[in-house]
């Protein structure tokens, strides 16, 4: 019997590209004999906040054009989140990561806890659809609870784990970030397969080709 294939998915709740990749990754986890291992990391605005100080002045305008276009191409609803999972302040016309971050730590710890519960990619898909799919004030009311339930988990229980085990989950997230770098890339989403990184939602077809070279089969 051949070895079951597995990919690591390094993923951020602030990345629209992560959101746009996730429905396909979730489909793979259901369609193929493949372990899709969800490994949440903090966004670049947390890991490398100086990134935004150094990008080309045209970077942001092209980014916004491209992400909306790709969402339309994939036929996925898309709107920039309100509130943004990362709080940033404009300084000299460039975004700077604020010292106080009320959303991203909770989200990432919840993602790590969901991964431990074996429902990581399901949680990522449901929550990302809520955050990036146009839900106003996604952090209020029962929006996250409903998304978590759609992933087969309970938000109250997941939040309790995220608070009780915060230090342990932070260590897990840091380990994910180190593994992300060791895989050979820094951006998200990055999928890693047998020492080879595939960065971006636009490399999933290439990754699928590589997996098929290694005997990827559909579930019977």
Protein backbone atom coordinates (compact mmCIF):
# COMPACT_ATOMS: atom_id res chain seq x y z
CA UNK A 1 0.00 0.00 0.00
CA UNK A 2 1.44 3.38 -1.03
CA UNK A 3 2.17 6.09 1.53
CA UNK A 4 -0.65 8.57 2.07
CA UNK A 5 0.25 11.98 0.66
CA UNK A 6 0.26 15.10 2.82
CA UNK A 7 0.75 18.82 2.28
CA UNK A 8 1.37 21.58 4.81
CA UNK A 9 -0.65 24.75 4.26
CA UNK A 10 0.86 27.91 5.75
CA UNK A 11 -2.02 30.37 5.89
CA UNK A 12 -3.04 33.75 7.36
CA UNK A 13 -6.44 35.12 8.34
CA UNK A 14 -5.40 38.53 6.97
CA UNK A 15 -4.46 37.21 3.53
CA UNK A 16 -7.09 37.52 0.80
CA UNK A 17 -5.00 35.13 -1.27
CA UNK A 18 -5.28 32.56 1.50
CA UNK A 19 -9.04 32.98 1.41
CA UNK A 20 -9.16 32.58 -2.36
CA UNK A 21 -7.11 29.38 -2.21
CA UNK A 22 -8.99 27.67 0.59
CA UNK A 23 -12.11 26.39 -1.20
CA UNK A 24 -9.88 24.40 -3.54
CA UNK A 25 -7.77 23.06 -0.69
CA UNK A 26 -10.91 22.03 1.18
CA UNK A 27 -12.18 20.30 -1.95
CA UNK A 28 -8.89 18.43 -2.25
CA UNK A 29 -9.17 17.22 1.34
CA UNK A 30 -12.56 15.74 0.54
CA UNK A 31 -11.93 14.55 -3.00
CA UNK A 32 -8.46 13.04 -2.78
CA UNK A 33 -6.65 10.60 -0.54
CA UNK A 34 -4.64 13.55 0.82
CA UNK A 35 -3.97 15.08 4.22
CA UNK A 36 -4.29 18.87 4.00
CA UNK A 37 -2.49 20.03 7.14
CA UNK A 38 -3.60 23.53 8.12
CA UNK A 39 -0.77 25.50 9.77
CA UNK A 40 -1.83 29.08 10.60
CA UNK A 41 0.81 31.80 10.82
CA UNK A 42 0.64 35.47 11.64
CA UNK A 43 0.32 37.80 8.64
CA UNK A 44 3.29 39.67 7.27
CA UNK A 45 1.99 42.85 8.95
CA UNK A 46 2.83 41.15 12.26
CA UNK A 47 5.82 39.02 11.27
CA UNK A 48 7.51 41.67 9.09
CA UNK A 49 5.75 45.02 9.64
CA UNK A 50 8.50 46.94 7.82
CA UNK A 51 7.39 45.21 4.60
CA UNK A 52 4.92 48.00 3.88
CA UNK A 53 7.59 50.65 4.29
CA UNK A 54 9.64 49.20 1.44
CA UNK A 55 7.17 48.16 -1.25
CA UNK A 56 6.98 49.99 -4.58
CA UNK A 57 4.45 52.88 -4.57
CA UNK A 58 2.38 51.03 -7.20
CA UNK A 59 2.23 47.83 -5.17
CA UNK A 60 -1.01 48.54 -3.32
CA UNK A 61 -3.04 49.77 -6.30
CA UNK A 62 -2.06 46.73 -8.37
CA UNK A 63 -2.67 44.41 -5.43
CA UNK A 64 -6.23 45.69 -5.04
CA UNK A 65 -6.92 45.45 -8.77
CA UNK A 66 -5.58 41.92 -8.94
CA UNK A 67 -7.28 40.50 -5.86
CA UNK A 68 -10.72 41.72 -6.93
CA UNK A 69 -10.12 40.37 -10.44
CA UNK A 70 -9.04 36.94 -9.20
CA UNK A 71 -12.05 36.73 -6.88
CA UNK A 72 -14.31 37.43 -9.85
CA UNK A 73 -12.48 34.83 -11.91
CA UNK A 74 -12.95 32.24 -9.14
CA UNK A 75 -16.57 33.33 -8.65
CA UNK A 76 -16.04 33.98 -4.95
CA UNK A 77 -17.61 36.91 -3.08
CA UNK A 78 -15.01 39.42 -2.02
CA UNK A 79 -14.87 42.66 -0.06
CA UNK A 80 -12.09 44.10 2.06
CA UNK A 81 -12.98 43.17 5.65
CA UNK A 82 -14.63 45.62 7.99
CA UNK A 83 -12.99 45.57 10.42
CA UNK A 84 -9.65 44.60 8.98
CA UNK A 85 -8.16 41.67 10.94
CA UNK A 86 -5.02 43.81 11.23
CA UNK A 87 -5.27 47.35 12.60
CA UNK A 88 -2.99 49.67 10.67
CA UNK A 89 -2.41 53.41 10.74
CA UNK A 90 -1.35 55.56 7.82
CA UNK A 91 1.94 57.38 8.28
CA UNK A 92 3.52 59.26 5.38
CA UNK A 93 1.00 57.57 3.11
CA UNK A 94 2.03 54.06 4.10
CA UNK A 95 0.28 51.61 6.44
CA UNK A 96 1.97 50.94 9.77
CA UNK A 97 0.93 48.08 12.03
CA UNK A 98 -0.64 49.42 15.21
CA UNK A 99 0.66 48.36 18.61
CA UNK A 100 -2.76 47.11 19.74
CA UNK A 101 -4.23 44.25 17.70
CA UNK A 102 -7.67 43.18 18.97
CA UNK A 103 -8.47 40.55 16.30
CA UNK A 104 -5.55 38.71 14.72
CA UNK A 105 -4.22 36.95 17.83
CA UNK A 106 -7.60 35.48 18.68
CA UNK A 107 -8.22 34.39 15.09
CA UNK A 108 -4.83 32.74 14.71
CA UNK A 109 -5.07 30.94 18.05
CA UNK A 110 -8.56 29.75 17.14
CA UNK A 111 -7.14 28.46 13.86
CA UNK A 112 -4.38 26.61 15.69
CA UNK A 113 -6.92 25.08 18.08
CA UNK A 114 -9.15 24.08 15.16
CA UNK A 115 -6.18 22.41 13.48
CA UNK A 116 -5.52 20.44 16.67
CA UNK A 117 -9.16 19.35 16.62
CA UNK A 118 -8.68 18.00 13.10
CA UNK A 119 -10.89 20.63 11.44
CA UNK A 120 -8.33 23.25 10.50
CA UNK A 121 -8.96 23.66 6.78
CA UNK A 122 -12.74 23.50 7.35
CA UNK A 123 -12.48 26.25 9.98
CA UNK A 124 -10.22 28.34 7.74
CA UNK A 125 -12.66 28.12 4.85
CA UNK A 126 -15.77 28.97 6.86
CA UNK A 127 -14.20 31.84 8.79
CA UNK A 128 -12.42 33.28 5.75
CA UNK A 129 -15.70 33.30 3.82
CA UNK A 130 -17.20 35.30 6.69
CA UNK A 131 -14.32 37.77 6.98
CA UNK A 132 -13.60 38.24 3.25
CA UNK A 133 -17.01 37.50 1.76
CA UNK A 134 -18.58 40.83 2.68
CA UNK A 135 -19.95 40.22 6.19
CA UNK A 136 -20.06 43.59 7.92
CA UNK A 137 -18.75 43.51 11.50
CA UNK A 138 -17.80 39.85 11.19
CA UNK A 139 -16.41 39.99 14.76
CA UNK A 140 -19.78 40.81 16.33
CA UNK A 141 -22.99 38.88 16.92
CA UNK A 142 -23.04 35.23 15.95
CA UNK A 143 -21.08 35.47 12.69
CA UNK A 144 -18.01 33.61 13.91
CA UNK A 145 -20.10 31.15 15.92
CA UNK A 146 -22.08 30.20 12.81
CA UNK A 147 -18.91 29.88 10.74
CA UNK A 148 -17.32 27.71 13.41
CA UNK A 149 -20.42 25.51 13.55
CA UNK A 150 -20.29 25.12 9.77
CA UNK A 151 -16.76 23.75 10.25
CA UNK A 152 -18.06 21.20 12.74
CA UNK A 153 -16.75 22.96 15.85
CA UNK A 154 -18.11 25.00 18.75
CA UNK A 155 -16.82 28.57 19.06
CA UNK A 156 -17.34 28.76 22.83
CA UNK A 157 -15.26 25.65 23.36
CA UNK A 158 -12.64 26.78 20.85
CA UNK A 159 -12.38 30.22 22.50
CA UNK A 160 -11.97 28.57 25.90
CA UNK A 161 -9.07 26.53 24.54
CA UNK A 162 -7.54 29.61 22.90
CA UNK A 163 -7.60 31.50 26.21
CA UNK A 164 -6.63 28.64 28.51
CA UNK A 165 -3.82 27.39 26.27
CA UNK A 166 -2.69 30.72 24.82
CA UNK A 167 1.00 30.19 25.52
CA UNK A 168 1.00 26.67 24.09
CA UNK A 169 -0.87 27.79 20.97
CA UNK A 170 1.51 30.72 20.51
CA UNK A 171 4.40 28.24 20.61
CA UNK A 172 2.61 26.15 17.99
CA UNK A 173 2.10 29.20 15.77
CA UNK A 174 5.78 30.09 16.14
CA UNK A 175 6.70 26.54 15.17
CA UNK A 176 4.48 26.90 12.10
CA UNK A 177 6.29 30.12 11.19
CA UNK A 178 9.68 28.45 11.52
CA UNK A 179 8.50 25.52 9.40
CA UNK A 180 7.10 28.00 6.87
CA UNK A 181 10.52 29.62 6.47
CA UNK A 182 12.24 26.23 6.37
CA UNK A 183 9.88 25.19 3.56
CA UNK A 184 11.41 27.91 1.40
CA UNK A 185 9.03 30.88 1.37
CA UNK A 186 7.71 33.70 3.52
CA UNK A 187 4.38 34.58 1.89
CA UNK A 188 0.95 33.06 2.27
CA UNK A 189 -0.60 30.87 1.23
CA UNK A 190 2.37 28.56 0.85
CA UNK A 191 1.83 24.84 0.45
CA UNK A 192 4.77 22.58 1.14
CA UNK A 193 5.13 19.08 -0.25
CA UNK A 194 8.22 16.94 0.31
CA UNK A 195 10.57 19.87 0.66
CA UNK A 196 9.11 21.87 -2.22
CA UNK A 197 7.21 25.16 -1.62
CA UNK A 198 4.29 26.30 -3.77
CA UNK A 199 3.53 29.94 -3.02
CA UNK A 200 0.25 31.58 -3.94
CA UNK A 201 -3.25 30.54 -4.89
CA UNK A 202 -2.10 30.62 -8.51
CA UNK A 203 0.31 27.71 -7.92
CA UNK A 204 -2.30 25.22 -6.76
CA UNK A 205 -2.63 23.70 -10.23
CA UNK A 206 1.12 23.16 -10.29
CA UNK A 207 0.97 21.55 -6.85
CA UNK A 208 -1.86 19.27 -7.97
CA UNK A 209 0.25 18.23 -10.97
CA UNK A 210 3.15 17.42 -8.63
CA UNK A 211 0.91 15.44 -6.29
CA UNK A 212 -0.40 13.40 -9.21
CA UNK A 213 3.18 12.63 -10.19
CA UNK A 214 3.50 11.06 -6.74
CA UNK A 215 0.38 8.94 -7.13
CA UNK A 216 -2.42 11.15 -5.82
CA UNK A 217 -5.71 9.29 -6.10
CA UNK A 218 -9.32 10.24 -5.65
CA UNK A 219 -11.13 8.75 -2.67
CA UNK A 220 -13.02 5.59 -3.47
